[in-house]
């Protein structure tokens, strides 16, 4: 293993940097260890199926730990820190795992809305459009005129109208 660190601390670090809840990432990492998708070094370099307490193996302990975290998100066991992982391998696994990809939030991009608001403001300044016309304009008409969705037009119009008194007082 290149840079070796304990599983728990590295999961916490990765989760914080990528905006992934610690519990979610920890459960997935523990399951990946139990399934053999992540290689680890256990105390005394024993194999994962080594019995540690009667009939309890490290693999069973790890699966049980994942289940405990699922049931009680604040669950913590000190042995989480005794599992050593290769930092690069865990980071690559977290990056490559589909379940942790950040999904884009729905809705228009603020830059598109700002662009439409700028065009509306220019129409008002150049007197191609009066304030009263903009206020009364149907969303469908705005969407056709500015070639964006009705939602984007409505939000851009609200931005422009809320800023308009400031602009008028400057003239």
N, C-alpha and C. Protein backbone atom coordinates (compact mmCIF):
# COMPACT_ATOMS: atom_id res chain seq x y z
N UNK A 1 0.84 -1.18 0.00
CA UNK A 1 0.00 0.00 0.00
C UNK A 1 0.88 1.25 0.00
N UNK A 2 0.51 2.23 -0.80
CA UNK A 2 1.30 3.46 -0.90
C UNK A 2 1.16 4.28 0.37
N UNK A 3 0.23 5.20 0.43
CA UNK A 3 0.00 5.99 1.64
C UNK A 3 -1.10 5.30 2.42
N UNK A 4 -0.77 4.77 3.56
CA UNK A 4 -1.73 4.01 4.35
C UNK A 4 -2.34 4.89 5.44
N UNK A 5 -3.66 4.87 5.51
CA UNK A 5 -4.39 5.63 6.53
C UNK A 5 -5.55 4.79 7.01
N UNK A 6 -6.12 5.18 8.14
CA UNK A 6 -7.25 4.39 8.61
C UNK A 6 -8.50 4.75 7.82
N UNK A 7 -9.31 3.76 7.61
CA UNK A 7 -10.52 3.87 6.78
C UNK A 7 -11.43 5.00 7.25
N UNK A 8 -11.70 5.07 8.54
CA UNK A 8 -12.68 6.02 9.06
C UNK A 8 -12.26 7.46 8.78
N UNK A 9 -11.03 7.81 9.11
CA UNK A 9 -10.58 9.19 8.93
C UNK A 9 -10.54 9.59 7.46
N UNK A 10 -10.12 8.67 6.60
CA UNK A 10 -10.07 9.00 5.18
C UNK A 10 -11.46 9.13 4.59
N UNK A 11 -12.39 8.28 5.01
CA UNK A 11 -13.78 8.40 4.55
C UNK A 11 -14.35 9.76 4.98
N UNK A 12 -14.06 10.17 6.21
CA UNK A 12 -14.53 11.47 6.70
C UNK A 12 -13.95 12.61 5.88
N UNK A 13 -12.67 12.51 5.55
CA UNK A 13 -12.01 13.55 4.74
C UNK A 13 -12.60 13.62 3.33
N UNK A 14 -12.74 12.46 2.69
CA UNK A 14 -13.29 12.43 1.32
C UNK A 14 -14.73 12.93 1.32
N UNK A 15 -15.50 12.48 2.29
CA UNK A 15 -16.90 12.91 2.37
C UNK A 15 -17.02 14.40 2.52
N UNK A 16 -16.18 14.99 3.37
CA UNK A 16 -16.22 16.44 3.57
C UNK A 16 -15.84 17.19 2.30
N UNK A 17 -14.82 16.71 1.60
CA UNK A 17 -14.38 17.39 0.37
C UNK A 17 -15.37 17.26 -0.77
N UNK A 18 -16.04 16.10 -0.86
CA UNK A 18 -16.95 15.86 -1.98
C UNK A 18 -18.41 16.11 -1.62
N UNK A 19 -18.68 16.52 -0.40
CA UNK A 19 -20.06 16.79 0.00
C UNK A 19 -20.91 15.54 0.13
N UNK A 20 -20.28 14.43 0.49
CA UNK A 20 -20.99 13.17 0.66
C UNK A 20 -21.15 12.94 2.16
N UNK A 21 -22.36 12.66 2.62
CA UNK A 21 -22.54 12.40 4.06
C UNK A 21 -21.63 11.27 4.53
N UNK A 22 -20.99 11.48 5.67
CA UNK A 22 -20.06 10.49 6.23
C UNK A 22 -20.69 9.11 6.33
N UNK A 23 -21.91 9.05 6.84
CA UNK A 23 -22.57 7.75 7.05
C UNK A 23 -22.73 7.00 5.73
N UNK A 24 -23.16 7.71 4.71
CA UNK A 24 -23.39 7.08 3.40
C UNK A 24 -22.11 6.51 2.82
N UNK A 25 -21.05 7.30 2.89
CA UNK A 25 -19.76 6.86 2.35
C UNK A 25 -19.17 5.74 3.21
N UNK A 26 -19.31 5.83 4.52
CA UNK A 26 -18.76 4.81 5.41
C UNK A 26 -19.45 3.46 5.18
N UNK A 27 -20.77 3.46 5.08
CA UNK A 27 -21.50 2.21 4.83
C UNK A 27 -21.04 1.58 3.52
N UNK A 28 -20.97 2.40 2.47
CA UNK A 28 -20.56 1.88 1.16
C UNK A 28 -19.12 1.35 1.20
N UNK A 29 -18.24 2.05 1.89
CA UNK A 29 -16.84 1.61 1.98
C UNK A 29 -16.74 0.30 2.76
N UNK A 30 -17.45 0.19 3.86
CA UNK A 30 -17.42 -1.05 4.64
C UNK A 30 -17.95 -2.23 3.82
N UNK A 31 -19.03 -2.00 3.08
CA UNK A 31 -19.58 -3.06 2.23
C UNK A 31 -18.58 -3.44 1.14
N UNK A 32 -17.92 -2.43 0.56
CA UNK A 32 -16.92 -2.70 -0.48
C UNK A 32 -15.75 -3.50 0.08
N UNK A 33 -15.37 -3.23 1.32
CA UNK A 33 -14.30 -4.00 1.96
C UNK A 33 -14.76 -5.45 2.15
N UNK A 34 -15.98 -5.62 2.68
CA UNK A 34 -16.50 -6.96 2.92
C UNK A 34 -16.65 -7.76 1.63
N UNK A 35 -17.01 -7.06 0.54
CA UNK A 35 -17.18 -7.72 -0.76
C UNK A 35 -15.87 -7.93 -1.51
N UNK A 36 -14.78 -7.38 -0.99
CA UNK A 36 -13.49 -7.53 -1.64
C UNK A 36 -13.22 -6.52 -2.74
N UNK A 37 -14.06 -5.48 -2.86
CA UNK A 37 -13.84 -4.45 -3.88
C UNK A 37 -12.82 -3.41 -3.44
N UNK A 38 -12.56 -3.34 -2.14
CA UNK A 38 -11.53 -2.46 -1.60
C UNK A 38 -10.58 -3.32 -0.77
N UNK A 39 -9.30 -3.20 -1.06
CA UNK A 39 -8.35 -3.99 -0.28
C UNK A 39 -7.96 -3.21 0.97
N UNK A 40 -7.79 -3.93 2.06
CA UNK A 40 -7.45 -3.31 3.33
C UNK A 40 -6.40 -4.13 4.05
N UNK A 41 -5.83 -3.53 5.05
CA UNK A 41 -4.92 -4.24 5.93
C UNK A 41 -5.56 -4.21 7.31
N UNK A 42 -5.79 -5.38 7.85
CA UNK A 42 -6.40 -5.51 9.17
C UNK A 42 -5.30 -5.62 10.23
N UNK A 43 -5.65 -5.42 11.49
CA UNK A 43 -4.64 -5.53 12.55
C UNK A 43 -3.88 -6.87 12.47
N UNK A 44 -2.62 -6.80 12.70
CA UNK A 44 -1.72 -7.97 12.65
C UNK A 44 -1.68 -8.61 11.26
N UNK A 45 -2.14 -7.87 10.24
CA UNK A 45 -2.14 -8.33 8.84
C UNK A 45 -2.86 -9.67 8.65
N UNK A 46 -3.95 -9.87 9.40
CA UNK A 46 -4.70 -11.13 9.28
C UNK A 46 -5.64 -11.06 8.09
N UNK A 47 -6.00 -12.20 7.48
CA UNK A 47 -6.99 -12.22 6.40
C UNK A 47 -8.37 -11.81 6.92
N UNK A 48 -9.20 -11.33 6.04
CA UNK A 48 -10.52 -10.82 6.42
C UNK A 48 -11.43 -11.90 7.03
N UNK A 49 -11.21 -13.16 6.69
CA UNK A 49 -12.07 -14.22 7.23
C UNK A 49 -11.53 -14.82 8.53
N UNK A 50 -10.51 -14.22 9.09
CA UNK A 50 -9.97 -14.68 10.36
C UNK A 50 -11.00 -14.47 11.46
N UNK A 51 -11.18 -15.50 12.29
CA UNK A 51 -12.11 -15.38 13.42
C UNK A 51 -11.44 -14.56 14.51
N UNK A 52 -12.22 -13.62 15.04
CA UNK A 52 -11.64 -12.76 16.07
C UNK A 52 -12.32 -12.95 17.43
N UNK A 53 -13.59 -13.33 17.43
CA UNK A 53 -14.34 -13.58 18.67
C UNK A 53 -15.25 -14.76 18.43
N UNK A 54 -14.87 -15.92 18.89
CA UNK A 54 -15.71 -17.10 18.69
C UNK A 54 -15.94 -17.37 17.22
N UNK A 55 -17.18 -17.26 16.77
CA UNK A 55 -17.51 -17.49 15.35
C UNK A 55 -17.52 -16.20 14.53
N UNK A 56 -17.11 -15.08 15.09
CA UNK A 56 -17.17 -13.79 14.41
C UNK A 56 -15.86 -13.51 13.68
N UNK A 57 -15.97 -13.35 12.36
CA UNK A 57 -14.79 -13.02 11.55
C UNK A 57 -14.74 -11.50 11.34
N UNK A 58 -13.60 -11.03 10.84
CA UNK A 58 -13.50 -9.62 10.51
C UNK A 58 -14.56 -9.24 9.47
N UNK A 59 -14.77 -10.11 8.48
CA UNK A 59 -15.77 -9.82 7.44
C UNK A 59 -17.15 -9.61 8.08
N UNK A 60 -17.53 -10.51 8.99
CA UNK A 60 -18.84 -10.39 9.65
C UNK A 60 -18.91 -9.13 10.51
N UNK A 61 -17.82 -8.80 11.17
CA UNK A 61 -17.77 -7.59 11.98
C UNK A 61 -17.96 -6.34 11.11
N UNK A 62 -17.30 -6.34 9.96
CA UNK A 62 -17.38 -5.20 9.04
C UNK A 62 -18.80 -5.06 8.49
N UNK A 63 -19.41 -6.17 8.09
CA UNK A 63 -20.80 -6.13 7.59
C UNK A 63 -21.72 -5.64 8.71
N UNK A 64 -21.52 -6.14 9.92
CA UNK A 64 -22.32 -5.70 11.05
C UNK A 64 -22.14 -4.22 11.34
N UNK A 65 -20.92 -3.74 11.18
CA UNK A 65 -20.65 -2.31 11.37
C UNK A 65 -21.39 -1.46 10.34
N UNK A 66 -21.42 -1.93 9.09
CA UNK A 66 -22.15 -1.20 8.04
C UNK A 66 -23.64 -1.15 8.37
N UNK A 67 -24.19 -2.27 8.82
CA UNK A 67 -25.61 -2.32 9.18
C UNK A 67 -25.91 -1.40 10.36
N UNK A 68 -25.01 -1.37 11.32
CA UNK A 68 -25.20 -0.50 12.49
C UNK A 68 -25.21 0.97 12.10
N UNK A 69 -24.33 1.36 11.18
CA UNK A 69 -24.28 2.75 10.73
C UNK A 69 -25.55 3.08 9.94
N UNK A 70 -26.06 2.13 9.15
CA UNK A 70 -27.31 2.36 8.42
C UNK A 70 -28.47 2.61 9.38
N UNK A 71 -28.54 1.81 10.45
CA UNK A 71 -29.64 1.94 11.41
C UNK A 71 -29.49 3.19 12.28
N UNK A 72 -28.27 3.47 12.69
CA UNK A 72 -28.01 4.62 13.57
C UNK A 72 -26.86 5.42 12.96
N UNK A 73 -27.18 6.45 12.16
CA UNK A 73 -26.14 7.19 11.44
C UNK A 73 -24.99 7.71 12.30
N UNK A 74 -25.21 7.97 13.58
CA UNK A 74 -24.12 8.47 14.43
C UNK A 74 -23.30 7.35 15.07
N UNK A 75 -23.58 6.11 14.68
CA UNK A 75 -22.88 4.96 15.26
C UNK A 75 -21.39 5.04 14.92
N UNK A 76 -20.57 4.76 15.91
CA UNK A 76 -19.13 4.74 15.71
C UNK A 76 -18.54 3.62 16.55
N UNK A 77 -17.62 2.90 15.97
CA UNK A 77 -16.90 1.85 16.70
C UNK A 77 -15.41 2.13 16.55
N UNK A 78 -14.69 2.00 17.62
CA UNK A 78 -13.25 2.32 17.59
C UNK A 78 -12.49 1.46 16.59
N UNK A 79 -12.99 0.23 16.33
CA UNK A 79 -12.26 -0.64 15.40
C UNK A 79 -12.33 -0.12 13.96
N UNK A 80 -13.24 0.84 13.65
CA UNK A 80 -13.27 1.44 12.30
C UNK A 80 -11.89 2.00 11.96
N UNK A 81 -11.21 2.53 12.98
CA UNK A 81 -9.90 3.15 12.76
C UNK A 81 -8.77 2.12 12.68
N UNK A 82 -9.07 0.87 12.98
CA UNK A 82 -8.02 -0.15 12.90
C UNK A 82 -7.93 -0.77 11.50
N UNK A 83 -8.85 -0.40 10.63
CA UNK A 83 -8.82 -0.88 9.24
C UNK A 83 -7.99 0.11 8.43
N UNK A 84 -6.91 -0.37 7.85
CA UNK A 84 -5.98 0.48 7.11
C UNK A 84 -6.22 0.30 5.61
N UNK A 85 -6.30 1.43 4.91
CA UNK A 85 -6.53 1.40 3.46
C UNK A 85 -5.46 2.21 2.75
N UNK A 86 -5.33 1.93 1.47
CA UNK A 86 -4.46 2.72 0.60
C UNK A 86 -5.27 3.96 0.21
N UNK A 87 -4.76 5.12 0.54
CA UNK A 87 -5.48 6.37 0.31
C UNK A 87 -5.86 6.56 -1.16
N UNK A 88 -4.93 6.30 -2.06
CA UNK A 88 -5.20 6.48 -3.50
C UNK A 88 -6.29 5.53 -3.97
N UNK A 89 -6.25 4.29 -3.49
CA UNK A 89 -7.26 3.31 -3.90
C UNK A 89 -8.66 3.72 -3.41
N UNK A 90 -8.76 4.17 -2.16
CA UNK A 90 -10.07 4.57 -1.64
C UNK A 90 -10.60 5.80 -2.36
N UNK A 91 -9.70 6.75 -2.64
CA UNK A 91 -10.14 7.96 -3.37
C UNK A 91 -10.62 7.60 -4.77
N UNK A 92 -9.88 6.73 -5.45
CA UNK A 92 -10.28 6.30 -6.81
C UNK A 92 -11.61 5.56 -6.76
N UNK A 93 -11.80 4.73 -5.76
CA UNK A 93 -13.06 3.99 -5.61
C UNK A 93 -14.21 4.97 -5.39
N UNK A 94 -14.03 5.96 -4.53
CA UNK A 94 -15.09 6.93 -4.24
C UNK A 94 -15.42 7.77 -5.47
N UNK A 95 -14.36 8.16 -6.24
CA UNK A 95 -14.59 8.94 -7.46
C UNK A 95 -15.32 8.13 -8.51
N UNK A 96 -14.97 6.85 -8.63
CA UNK A 96 -15.53 6.01 -9.68
C UNK A 96 -16.89 5.43 -9.35
N UNK A 97 -17.30 5.52 -8.11
CA UNK A 97 -18.57 4.93 -7.71
C UNK A 97 -19.74 5.81 -8.14
N UNK A 98 -20.66 5.24 -8.88
CA UNK A 98 -21.82 5.98 -9.38
C UNK A 98 -22.68 6.55 -8.26
N UNK A 99 -22.77 5.82 -7.17
CA UNK A 99 -23.66 6.24 -6.10
C UNK A 99 -23.24 7.56 -5.44
N UNK A 100 -22.01 8.01 -5.69
CA UNK A 100 -21.55 9.24 -5.07
C UNK A 100 -21.45 10.41 -6.05
N UNK A 101 -21.82 10.19 -7.29
CA UNK A 101 -21.76 11.29 -8.24
C UNK A 101 -22.80 12.34 -7.88
N UNK A 102 -22.36 13.57 -7.89
CA UNK A 102 -23.26 14.66 -7.55
C UNK A 102 -24.16 14.93 -8.74
N UNK A 103 -25.47 14.93 -8.48
CA UNK A 103 -26.42 15.19 -9.55
C UNK A 103 -26.65 16.69 -9.65
N UNK A 104 -26.80 17.14 -10.87
CA UNK A 104 -27.06 18.54 -11.11
C UNK A 104 -28.44 18.90 -10.58
N UNK A 105 -28.56 20.06 -10.00
CA UNK A 105 -29.86 20.48 -9.52
C UNK A 105 -30.71 20.87 -10.72
N UNK A 106 -32.01 20.56 -10.67
CA UNK A 106 -32.87 20.90 -11.80
C UNK A 106 -33.06 22.41 -11.90
N UNK A 107 -33.45 22.84 -13.06
CA UNK A 107 -33.74 24.25 -13.25
C UNK A 107 -32.70 24.94 -14.12
N UNK A 108 -33.01 26.16 -14.49
CA UNK A 108 -32.11 26.89 -15.37
C UNK A 108 -30.84 27.32 -14.65
N UNK A 109 -29.79 27.47 -15.42
CA UNK A 109 -28.54 27.94 -14.86
C UNK A 109 -28.69 29.43 -14.57
N UNK A 110 -28.15 29.88 -13.47
CA UNK A 110 -28.25 31.31 -13.16
C UNK A 110 -27.66 32.18 -14.25
N UNK A 111 -26.65 31.70 -14.96
CA UNK A 111 -26.04 32.53 -16.02
C UNK A 111 -27.01 32.77 -17.16
N UNK A 112 -27.84 31.79 -17.49
CA UNK A 112 -28.83 31.96 -18.55
C UNK A 112 -29.87 32.99 -18.11
N UNK A 113 -30.31 32.89 -16.86
CA UNK A 113 -31.29 33.84 -16.32
C UNK A 113 -30.71 35.25 -16.33
N UNK A 114 -29.45 35.36 -15.93
CA UNK A 114 -28.81 36.68 -15.91
C UNK A 114 -28.68 37.24 -17.32
N UNK A 115 -28.38 36.37 -18.27
CA UNK A 115 -28.27 36.81 -19.67
C UNK A 115 -29.60 37.35 -20.18
N UNK A 116 -30.69 36.66 -19.86
CA UNK A 116 -32.03 37.12 -20.27
C UNK A 116 -32.36 38.43 -19.56
N UNK A 117 -32.03 38.52 -18.29
CA UNK A 117 -32.29 39.76 -17.54
C UNK A 117 -31.52 40.92 -18.17
N UNK A 118 -30.28 40.68 -18.58
CA UNK A 118 -29.49 41.73 -19.24
C UNK A 118 -30.14 42.17 -20.55
N UNK A 119 -30.64 41.20 -21.31
CA UNK A 119 -31.31 41.54 -22.58
C UNK A 119 -32.59 42.32 -22.32
N UNK A 120 -33.34 41.94 -21.29
CA UNK A 120 -34.56 42.69 -20.94
C UNK A 120 -34.20 44.12 -20.55
N UNK A 121 -33.17 44.26 -19.73
CA UNK A 121 -32.73 45.58 -19.29
C UNK A 121 -32.32 46.43 -20.48
N UNK A 122 -31.63 45.83 -21.44
CA UNK A 122 -31.22 46.56 -22.65
C UNK A 122 -32.44 47.00 -23.45
N UNK A 123 -33.45 46.10 -23.54
CA UNK A 123 -34.70 46.46 -24.23
C UNK A 123 -35.37 47.65 -23.55
N UNK A 124 -35.32 47.69 -22.24
CA UNK A 124 -35.91 48.81 -21.51
C UNK A 124 -35.11 50.10 -21.72
N UNK A 125 -33.79 49.99 -21.65
CA UNK A 125 -32.93 51.16 -21.83
C UNK A 125 -33.06 51.75 -23.23
N UNK A 126 -33.13 50.88 -24.21
CA UNK A 126 -33.22 51.35 -25.60
C UNK A 126 -34.66 51.69 -25.99
N UNK A 127 -35.57 51.55 -25.07
CA UNK A 127 -36.99 51.87 -25.25
C UNK A 127 -37.68 51.01 -26.30
N UNK A 128 -37.11 49.82 -26.54
CA UNK A 128 -37.82 48.84 -27.38
C UNK A 128 -38.97 48.22 -26.59
N UNK A 129 -38.91 48.42 -25.28
CA UNK A 129 -39.90 47.83 -24.38
C UNK A 129 -40.08 48.78 -23.20
N UNK A 130 -41.33 49.01 -22.84
CA UNK A 130 -41.62 49.85 -21.66
C UNK A 130 -41.78 48.96 -20.44
N UNK A 131 -41.58 49.56 -19.27
CA UNK A 131 -41.72 48.80 -18.03
C UNK A 131 -43.11 48.17 -17.94
N UNK A 132 -44.14 48.92 -18.29
CA UNK A 132 -45.51 48.41 -18.20
C UNK A 132 -45.73 47.24 -19.17
N UNK A 133 -45.07 47.28 -20.34
CA UNK A 133 -45.18 46.17 -21.29
C UNK A 133 -44.51 44.92 -20.73
N UNK A 134 -43.34 45.11 -20.12
CA UNK A 134 -42.63 43.97 -19.53
C UNK A 134 -43.45 43.37 -18.40
N UNK A 135 -44.04 44.23 -17.56
CA UNK A 135 -44.85 43.74 -16.44
C UNK A 135 -46.06 42.95 -16.92
N UNK A 136 -46.68 43.39 -18.02
CA UNK A 136 -47.91 42.76 -18.51
C UNK A 136 -47.66 41.61 -19.49
N UNK A 137 -46.43 41.47 -19.97
CA UNK A 137 -46.15 40.48 -21.00
C UNK A 137 -46.39 39.05 -20.48
N UNK A 138 -47.08 38.26 -21.28
CA UNK A 138 -47.33 36.86 -20.92
C UNK A 138 -46.02 36.09 -20.95
N UNK A 139 -45.92 35.09 -20.08
CA UNK A 139 -44.71 34.27 -20.02
C UNK A 139 -44.44 33.59 -21.36
N UNK A 140 -45.49 33.15 -22.00
CA UNK A 140 -45.34 32.49 -23.31
C UNK A 140 -44.70 33.44 -24.33
N UNK A 141 -45.16 34.68 -24.31
CA UNK A 141 -44.62 35.68 -25.24
C UNK A 141 -43.16 35.98 -24.92
N UNK A 142 -42.87 36.11 -23.62
CA UNK A 142 -41.46 36.35 -23.22
C UNK A 142 -40.57 35.19 -23.64
N UNK A 143 -41.07 33.96 -23.44
CA UNK A 143 -40.27 32.78 -23.78
C UNK A 143 -39.96 32.75 -25.27
N UNK A 144 -40.93 33.12 -26.08
CA UNK A 144 -40.70 33.17 -27.53
C UNK A 144 -39.73 34.29 -27.90
N UNK A 145 -39.91 35.44 -27.27
CA UNK A 145 -39.08 36.60 -27.60
C UNK A 145 -37.61 36.37 -27.21
N UNK A 146 -37.38 35.79 -26.03
CA UNK A 146 -36.01 35.62 -25.53
C UNK A 146 -35.46 34.21 -25.73
N UNK A 147 -36.27 33.35 -26.31
CA UNK A 147 -35.89 31.97 -26.67
C UNK A 147 -35.32 31.16 -25.49
N UNK A 148 -36.00 31.24 -24.36
CA UNK A 148 -35.70 30.43 -23.18
C UNK A 148 -37.02 29.98 -22.58
N UNK A 149 -36.95 29.19 -21.53
CA UNK A 149 -38.17 28.67 -20.91
C UNK A 149 -38.96 29.79 -20.23
N UNK A 150 -40.23 29.51 -20.01
CA UNK A 150 -41.09 30.47 -19.32
C UNK A 150 -40.58 30.73 -17.91
N UNK A 151 -40.11 29.69 -17.25
CA UNK A 151 -39.61 29.83 -15.89
C UNK A 151 -38.41 30.78 -15.85
N UNK A 152 -37.49 30.61 -16.79
CA UNK A 152 -36.31 31.48 -16.86
C UNK A 152 -36.73 32.92 -17.12
N UNK A 153 -37.69 33.11 -18.03
CA UNK A 153 -38.18 34.46 -18.32
C UNK A 153 -38.83 35.10 -17.11
N UNK A 154 -39.67 34.36 -16.42
CA UNK A 154 -40.36 34.89 -15.24
C UNK A 154 -39.35 35.33 -14.18
N UNK A 155 -38.35 34.47 -13.93
CA UNK A 155 -37.35 34.81 -12.91
C UNK A 155 -36.50 36.00 -13.35
N UNK A 156 -36.16 36.06 -14.64
CA UNK A 156 -35.37 37.18 -15.15
C UNK A 156 -36.18 38.48 -15.06
N UNK A 157 -37.46 38.41 -15.40
CA UNK A 157 -38.31 39.60 -15.32
C UNK A 157 -38.39 40.08 -13.87
N UNK A 158 -38.56 39.15 -12.94
CA UNK A 158 -38.63 39.54 -11.52
C UNK A 158 -37.33 40.21 -11.07
N UNK A 159 -36.19 39.69 -11.56
CA UNK A 159 -34.90 40.31 -11.23
C UNK A 159 -34.85 41.75 -11.75
N UNK A 160 -35.24 41.90 -13.03
CA UNK A 160 -35.18 43.21 -13.67
C UNK A 160 -36.11 44.19 -12.97
N UNK A 161 -37.34 43.78 -12.72
CA UNK A 161 -38.30 44.68 -12.09
C UNK A 161 -37.90 45.06 -10.67
N UNK A 162 -37.24 44.13 -9.97
CA UNK A 162 -36.80 44.46 -8.61
C UNK A 162 -35.61 45.43 -8.63
N UNK A 163 -34.84 45.43 -9.70
CA UNK A 163 -33.69 46.32 -9.83
C UNK A 163 -34.06 47.65 -10.49
N UNK A 164 -35.18 47.70 -11.17
CA UNK A 164 -35.54 48.86 -11.97
C UNK A 164 -35.60 50.17 -11.20
N UNK A 165 -36.20 50.24 -10.03
CA UNK A 165 -36.23 51.53 -9.32
C UNK A 165 -34.83 52.06 -9.05
N UNK A 166 -33.87 51.20 -8.79
CA UNK A 166 -32.49 51.61 -8.55
C UNK A 166 -31.92 52.22 -9.82
N UNK A 167 -32.19 51.60 -10.97
CA UNK A 167 -31.69 52.09 -12.25
C UNK A 167 -32.36 53.41 -12.60
N UNK A 168 -33.67 53.54 -12.38
CA UNK A 168 -34.39 54.78 -12.71
C UNK A 168 -33.89 55.95 -11.88
N UNK A 169 -33.54 55.71 -10.61
CA UNK A 169 -33.08 56.79 -9.75
C UNK A 169 -31.67 57.24 -10.14
N UNK A 170 -30.94 56.40 -10.86
CA UNK A 170 -29.58 56.76 -11.28
C UNK A 170 -29.59 57.62 -12.54
N UNK A 171 -30.68 57.62 -13.27
CA UNK A 171 -30.73 58.35 -14.53
C UNK A 171 -30.98 59.82 -14.31
